[in-house]
Protein backbone atom coordinates (compact mmCIF):
# COMPACT_ATOMS: atom_id res chain seq x y z
CA MET A 1 -3.53 16.27 -5.25
CA PRO A 2 -2.46 15.47 -1.68
CA LEU A 3 -0.14 12.66 -2.74
CA GLU A 4 2.75 12.74 -5.20
CA LEU A 5 4.10 9.18 -5.29
CA GLY A 6 7.54 8.83 -6.92
CA ASP A 7 9.89 5.87 -7.14
CA THR A 8 11.15 6.07 -3.63
CA THR A 9 9.56 9.30 -2.11
CA ALA A 10 5.92 10.14 -1.38
CA THR A 11 5.31 13.86 -1.04
CA LEU A 12 2.22 14.64 1.15
CA ILE A 13 0.68 18.00 0.32
CA GLY A 14 -1.93 20.03 2.11
CA VAL A 15 -4.73 17.95 3.61
CA VAL A 16 -4.29 14.20 3.47
CA THR A 17 -7.72 12.68 3.99
CA VAL A 18 -9.06 9.17 4.41
CA ASP A 19 -9.36 9.00 0.62
CA GLU A 20 -5.59 8.84 0.31
CA VAL A 21 -4.93 6.30 2.93
CA GLU A 22 -5.26 3.13 0.93
CA GLU A 23 -3.11 4.47 -1.95
CA LEU A 24 -0.39 5.64 0.54
CA ALA A 25 -0.44 2.30 2.43
CA THR A 26 -0.15 0.28 -0.76
CA TRP A 27 2.72 2.49 -1.99
CA LEU A 28 4.50 2.05 1.31
CA ARG A 29 4.02 -1.72 1.27
CA VAL A 30 5.48 -2.21 -2.21
CA THR A 31 8.26 0.40 -2.20
CA ALA A 32 11.72 -0.65 -1.15
CA LYS A 33 13.26 1.85 1.35
CA PRO A 34 10.35 4.41 1.08
CA ARG A 35 10.72 8.01 2.14
CA VAL A 36 8.03 10.56 2.97
CA ASN A 37 8.29 14.27 2.41
CA LEU A 38 5.94 16.07 4.86
CA ARG A 39 7.13 19.65 4.31
CA LYS A 40 3.93 20.88 2.56
CA CYS A 41 1.52 18.67 4.60
CA ASN A 42 -0.76 20.56 7.04
CA HIS A 43 -3.19 17.86 7.99
CA LEU A 44 -2.66 14.09 8.20
CA HIS A 45 -5.59 11.79 8.54
CA THR A 46 -5.16 9.34 11.36
CA GLY A 47 -5.20 6.40 8.92
CA ALA A 48 -2.33 7.92 6.91
CA PHE A 49 -0.47 8.50 10.23
CA GLN A 50 -0.99 4.91 11.24
CA ALA A 51 0.22 3.65 7.87
CA ILE A 52 3.40 5.69 8.23
CA LEU A 53 3.87 4.42 11.77
CA HIS A 54 3.43 0.86 10.60
CA PHE A 55 5.78 0.95 7.60
CA ARG A 56 8.33 3.37 9.25
CA PRO A 57 9.56 5.08 6.04
CA LYS A 58 12.35 7.59 6.41
CA VAL A 59 11.00 11.18 6.76
CA SER A 60 12.98 13.09 4.15
CA ALA A 61 11.58 16.51 4.96
CA ALA A 62 9.88 17.67 8.19
CA PRO A 63 6.50 19.40 8.17
CA THR A 64 6.35 23.17 8.57
CA ASP A 65 2.99 22.86 10.16
CA VAL A 66 3.44 23.56 13.91
CA PHE A 67 1.16 20.81 15.18
CA LEU A 68 2.69 18.09 12.83
CA ALA A 69 6.21 19.28 13.52
CA GLY A 70 5.79 19.48 17.23
CA LEU A 71 3.59 16.54 18.18
CA VAL A 72 3.37 14.18 15.17
CA LEU A 73 6.87 14.22 13.82
CA PRO A 74 8.55 13.05 17.04
CA LEU A 75 6.27 10.02 17.00
CA LEU A 76 7.21 9.28 13.37
CA MET A 77 10.88 9.68 14.25
CA GLY A 78 10.64 7.14 17.08
CA SER A 79 10.39 9.52 19.96
CA GLY A 80 7.68 9.65 22.45
CA GLY A 81 7.33 13.36 21.88
CA PRO A 82 7.81 16.08 24.41
CA PRO A 83 7.59 15.15 28.07
CA ILE A 84 4.17 15.57 29.62
CA ARG A 85 4.20 18.12 32.46
CA GLU A 86 2.22 17.07 35.40
CA ARG A 87 -0.29 19.48 36.82
CA SER A 88 0.61 21.07 40.07
CA GLU A 89 -2.14 21.23 42.62
CA PRO A 90 -3.07 24.79 43.81
């Protein structure tokens, strides 16, 4: 099961698909001070990502997946991510 929804923390596990988006968004909407644990998440559907961005829960555990940790987590934490390096012309 990709979602484990507790009283205040949602744990996202493995591959979170479009099938979990509505359940996650509803939980985020009705939970006071929600938290998300992304430690065991290795794929986050864009709908789930958008729900997390919209409701801005606290991230209680960072993902260990390199892509999620390096590029997605900074966006969830309010950063624009790493600076984009401009290409140098040859």
